[in-house]
Protein backbone atom coordinates (compact mmCIF):
# COMPACT_ATOMS: atom_id res chain seq x y z
CA MET A 1 154.69 73.17 96.16
CA CYS A 2 152.53 76.09 97.30
CA ASP A 3 148.91 76.42 96.13
CA ASP A 4 149.76 79.38 93.91
CA CYS A 5 152.60 77.51 92.19
CA PHE A 6 150.46 74.39 91.80
CA ASP A 7 147.65 76.38 90.17
CA GLU A 8 150.09 78.18 87.89
CA LYS A 9 151.64 74.91 86.74
CA TYR A 10 148.56 72.69 86.41
CA PHE A 11 145.75 75.20 85.79
CA PRO A 12 147.46 78.04 83.88
CA GLU A 13 144.24 79.47 82.36
CA ASP A 14 142.48 79.65 85.73
CA HIS A 15 145.60 81.05 87.36
CA ALA A 16 145.94 83.72 84.66
CA ALA A 17 142.27 84.73 85.10
CA TYR A 18 142.76 84.91 88.88
CA LYS A 19 145.89 87.06 88.52
CA LYS A 20 144.10 89.34 86.03
CA ARG A 21 141.24 90.14 88.41
CA LEU A 22 143.46 90.78 91.45
CA ILE A 23 143.64 94.38 92.56
CA VAL A 24 147.28 95.14 93.27
CA LEU A 25 147.86 98.14 95.49
CA GLU A 26 150.76 100.56 95.26
CA ASP A 27 152.47 98.90 98.24
CA GLY A 28 152.32 95.45 96.60
CA ARG A 29 149.43 94.08 98.67
CA SER A 30 146.54 92.64 96.71
CA ILE A 31 142.89 91.82 97.13
CA ASP A 32 140.82 89.34 95.19
CA PRO A 33 137.58 91.24 94.59
CA ILE A 34 135.44 88.16 93.93
CA LEU A 35 133.34 87.53 97.04
CA SER A 36 134.94 90.52 98.75
CA SER A 37 132.74 93.06 100.47
CA GLU A 38 132.90 96.75 101.27
CA ARG A 39 134.36 95.84 104.66
CA ASP A 40 137.20 93.90 102.96
CA PHE A 41 138.09 96.98 100.90
CA GLU A 42 137.91 99.18 103.99
CA LYS A 43 140.48 96.96 105.70
CA VAL A 44 142.87 96.49 102.79
CA LEU A 45 142.80 100.12 101.63
CA ASP A 46 142.93 101.50 105.20
CA LEU A 47 139.81 103.58 104.64
CA THR A 48 138.93 105.75 107.63
CA CYS A 49 135.47 107.20 106.95
CA TYR A 50 132.11 105.76 105.96
CA ILE A 51 129.43 107.97 104.40
CA GLU A 52 125.90 106.89 103.60
CA THR A 53 123.21 109.04 102.09
CA SER A 54 120.41 109.32 104.61
CA ASN A 55 117.37 109.54 102.36
CA VAL A 56 116.37 107.80 99.20
CA PHE A 57 117.00 110.32 96.46
CA GLU A 58 116.41 110.41 92.77
CA THR A 59 118.94 107.96 91.35
CA LYS A 60 120.24 110.56 88.88
CA LEU A 61 121.21 112.80 91.80
CA CYS A 62 123.31 109.98 93.29
CA VAL A 63 124.99 109.39 89.94
CA ASP A 64 125.62 113.14 89.61
CA ALA A 65 127.22 113.08 93.07
CA LEU A 66 129.57 110.23 92.15
CA PHE A 67 130.76 111.92 88.96
CA LEU A 68 131.12 115.33 90.61
CA PHE A 69 133.23 113.63 93.29
CA LEU A 70 135.38 111.91 90.64
CA GLU A 71 135.79 115.23 88.86
CA LYS A 72 136.95 116.90 92.11
CA ILE A 73 139.58 114.23 92.72
CA SER A 74 140.58 114.24 89.03
CA GLN A 75 139.93 110.52 88.79
CA ILE A 76 138.89 108.99 85.50
CA LYS A 77 140.37 105.53 86.05
CA ILE A 78 137.97 103.62 88.24
CA PHE A 79 137.27 99.94 88.52
CA PRO A 80 133.67 98.68 88.53
CA PHE A 81 132.27 95.53 90.11
CA ARG A 82 128.86 93.90 90.15
CA LEU A 83 127.59 93.06 93.63
CA TYR A 84 125.05 90.55 94.79
CA ASP A 85 123.82 91.16 98.32
CA GLY A 86 126.92 93.22 99.11
CA GLU A 87 129.54 90.79 97.82
CA ILE A 88 131.46 91.24 94.58
CA VAL A 89 130.48 88.58 92.06
CA GLU A 90 131.87 90.07 88.85
CA VAL A 91 134.80 92.26 87.88
CA MET A 92 133.73 94.51 85.02
CA ASN A 93 136.15 95.86 82.43
CA LEU A 94 134.67 99.22 81.44
CA THR A 95 136.09 102.59 80.50
CA TYR A 96 135.17 105.71 82.44
CA GLU A 97 132.90 106.78 79.57
CA GLU A 98 131.11 103.40 79.53
CA ILE A 99 130.63 103.57 83.31
CA LYS A 100 129.23 107.07 83.10
CA GLU A 101 126.91 106.26 80.19
CA ASN A 102 125.58 103.11 81.85
CA LEU A 103 125.07 104.66 85.29
CA TYR A 104 122.93 107.36 83.70
CA LEU A 105 121.11 104.69 81.67
CA GLU A 106 120.44 102.87 84.96
CA CYS A 107 118.42 105.93 86.02
CA GLU A 108 116.05 104.99 83.18
CA ASP A 109 116.13 101.27 84.00
CA LYS A 110 118.39 100.60 81.01
CA GLY A 111 122.04 99.73 80.34
CA ILE A 112 124.39 97.06 81.62
CA PHE A 113 123.99 98.07 85.28
CA HIS A 114 120.23 97.65 85.18
CA ASN A 115 118.88 94.63 87.03
CA ASP A 116 115.40 94.15 88.46
CA ASN A 117 116.82 92.17 91.38
CA VAL A 118 117.17 94.59 94.33
CA CYS A 119 120.11 92.54 95.65
CA VAL A 120 122.21 93.51 92.60
CA SER A 121 124.16 96.77 92.56
CA GLN A 122 127.53 98.06 91.42
CA SER A 123 130.59 99.38 93.18
CA PHE A 124 133.64 101.36 92.18
CA THR A 125 137.15 101.94 93.49
CA ASP A 126 140.30 103.74 92.44
CA LYS A 127 142.38 101.02 94.19
CA LYS A 128 143.80 103.45 96.73
CA SER A 129 141.51 106.02 98.37
CA PHE A 130 137.83 105.04 98.13
CA TYR A 131 135.26 102.35 97.60
CA ALA A 132 131.71 103.36 96.63
CA ILE A 133 128.47 101.50 96.06
CA VAL A 134 125.88 103.31 93.96
CA GLN A 135 122.42 101.84 93.70
CA LYS A 136 118.89 103.11 93.24
CA GLY A 137 118.68 106.33 95.23
CA ILE A 138 121.56 105.74 97.65
CA ILE A 139 125.35 105.90 97.95
CA PHE A 140 127.51 103.91 100.36
CA PHE A 141 131.00 105.41 100.39
CA SER A 142 134.19 104.53 102.26
CA GLY A 143 137.30 106.65 101.87
CA ASN A 144 140.40 108.03 103.43
CA ASP A 145 140.14 111.37 105.24
CA GLU A 146 141.01 113.52 102.22
CA VAL A 147 138.57 112.03 99.73
CA SER A 148 135.84 111.66 102.35
CA LYS A 149 135.97 115.42 102.90
CA LEU A 150 135.59 115.91 99.15
CA MET A 151 132.61 113.54 99.05
CA GLU A 152 131.06 115.43 101.97
CA SER A 153 131.48 118.70 100.08
CA VAL A 154 129.79 117.18 97.00
CA LEU A 155 126.84 115.93 99.04
CA LYS A 156 126.46 119.34 100.68
CA GLU A 157 126.73 121.09 97.30
CA LEU A 158 123.96 118.89 95.88
CA ASN A 159 121.90 119.19 99.07
CA ILE A 160 121.96 115.43 99.74
CA GLY A 161 121.57 114.37 103.36
CA TYR A 162 124.11 111.90 104.71
CA SER A 163 125.59 110.37 107.82
CA ILE A 164 129.29 109.84 108.43
CA ARG A 165 131.12 107.45 110.73
CA THR A 166 134.76 106.91 111.55
CA LEU A 167 136.05 103.43 110.83
CA SER A 168 138.24 101.53 113.25
CA LYS A 169 141.63 100.85 111.67
CA ASN A 170 141.92 97.53 113.47
CA ASP A 171 138.90 95.72 112.16
CA GLY A 172 137.14 97.79 109.50
CA GLN A 173 134.02 97.90 111.63
CA LYS A 174 132.00 101.08 111.73
CA ASP A 175 132.26 102.82 115.12
């Protein structure tokens, strides 16, 4: 009996929770976000560009940039995660409106995203074209070519400095 079948038979509640948190891609591949990192998403989603803001900016400006980007790609279904030191430790079930409200509350050190521990941040994905980490005054963004160009245009529009790198398709490492 395979591990998956064993878990399903003998630990159905754990197996159901595991299946619920899996991110299933359009092509049937999946990723377990718990203890995954940005690099894992870059590999699985075949993301080709990495963008990082180059200066520490007012946190509200970074949040504005994320939501302007989401508006430009007409994306209101995003999936949030809580990170600890760059690894996903919690899958969060929030609506777009709750995400938006709480990211803006984070600018005031309030809301569910607020945490005094500098190792804690949050990330977001649409399960197909980007993965973004937004934390105090900085954005780390990985995307395919199309959405990366849109994120670049948003950063330029808001006068936010950034650097961009091409990602190797073989290993997800930044070139």
